[in-house]
């Protein structure tokens, strides 16, 4: 599936896992697992805990995603 076919959703990195995998919390409250896209790996773009990101989610499996973009402006505001 091409990157253009993915539904793009903004989220916040909640957990950093091994191998470029992350847990992302969406505004709807759902958490999904996502991995870095190849372009982000190629250009060594760092993603850390609390960053706001855009995730491409497949309509066939909405529990997994692909991190397409890291937003500038620091970390997202903390809840609570």
Protein backbone atom coordinates (compact mmCIF):
# COMPACT_ATOMS: atom_id res chain seq x y z
CA UNK A 1 0.00 0.00 0.00
CA UNK A 2 1.36 3.42 -0.93
CA UNK A 3 1.98 6.09 1.66
CA UNK A 4 -0.69 8.25 0.01
CA UNK A 5 -3.37 5.66 0.79
CA UNK A 6 -2.84 5.90 4.55
CA UNK A 7 -5.13 7.93 6.81
CA UNK A 8 -3.01 10.57 8.53
CA UNK A 9 -3.63 11.15 12.24
CA UNK A 10 -1.72 13.27 14.75
CA UNK A 11 -0.61 11.71 18.02
CA UNK A 12 1.87 11.83 20.90
CA UNK A 13 4.71 9.36 21.54
CA UNK A 14 3.90 7.55 24.79
CA UNK A 15 6.56 4.79 24.83
CA UNK A 16 9.81 4.12 22.99
CA UNK A 17 10.43 0.49 22.03
CA UNK A 18 13.41 -1.24 20.42
CA UNK A 19 14.12 -1.14 16.70
CA UNK A 20 12.44 2.16 15.84
CA UNK A 21 9.05 1.10 17.18
CA UNK A 22 6.90 3.41 19.29
CA UNK A 23 3.58 3.47 21.12
CA UNK A 24 1.52 6.46 19.99
CA UNK A 25 -1.56 7.87 21.74
CA UNK A 26 -4.15 9.36 19.37
CA UNK A 27 -6.49 12.24 20.29
CA UNK A 28 -9.38 9.75 20.43
CA UNK A 29 -7.63 8.04 23.36
CA UNK A 30 -6.66 4.94 21.36
CA UNK A 31 -3.05 3.74 21.52
CA UNK A 32 -1.39 2.17 18.49
CA UNK A 33 2.06 0.79 17.73
CA UNK A 34 3.97 2.63 15.02
CA UNK A 35 7.38 2.43 13.39
CA UNK A 36 9.57 5.05 11.75
CA UNK A 37 9.20 5.53 8.03
CA UNK A 38 12.20 4.84 5.81
CA UNK A 39 12.70 8.50 5.01
CA UNK A 40 12.90 9.40 8.72
CA UNK A 41 15.49 6.64 9.21
CA UNK A 42 17.45 7.79 6.14
CA UNK A 43 17.79 11.36 7.39
CA UNK A 44 18.36 10.33 11.05
CA UNK A 45 15.34 12.22 12.40
CA UNK A 46 15.15 11.57 16.14
CA UNK A 47 11.82 10.94 17.82
CA UNK A 48 11.69 10.97 21.61
CA UNK A 49 9.11 10.48 24.33
CA UNK A 50 6.44 13.20 24.27
CA UNK A 51 6.95 14.34 20.66
CA UNK A 52 3.96 15.20 18.51
CA UNK A 53 3.96 13.13 15.32
CA UNK A 54 1.81 12.43 12.27
CA UNK A 55 1.05 8.74 11.86
CA UNK A 56 -0.19 7.06 8.70
CA UNK A 57 -2.74 4.38 9.63
CA UNK A 58 -3.87 1.68 7.23
CA UNK A 59 -7.62 1.23 6.85
CA UNK A 60 -7.07 -2.55 6.92
CA UNK A 61 -5.25 -2.68 10.28
CA UNK A 62 -5.91 0.41 12.45
CA UNK A 63 -3.77 -0.92 15.32
CA UNK A 64 -0.47 -0.34 13.48
CA UNK A 65 0.94 2.79 11.91
CA UNK A 66 3.88 4.45 10.21
CA UNK A 67 5.38 7.65 11.65
CA UNK A 68 5.55 10.05 8.72
CA UNK A 69 6.39 13.39 10.32
CA UNK A 70 7.73 14.84 13.59
CA UNK A 71 6.22 18.22 14.44
CA UNK A 72 8.45 21.10 15.47
CA UNK A 73 7.83 23.08 18.62
CA UNK A 74 8.98 20.70 21.32
CA UNK A 75 6.99 18.20 23.27
CA UNK A 76 3.22 18.12 23.58
CA UNK A 77 1.63 19.46 26.75
CA UNK A 78 1.36 16.89 29.52
CA UNK A 79 -2.01 15.70 30.76
CA UNK A 80 -3.08 16.00 34.37
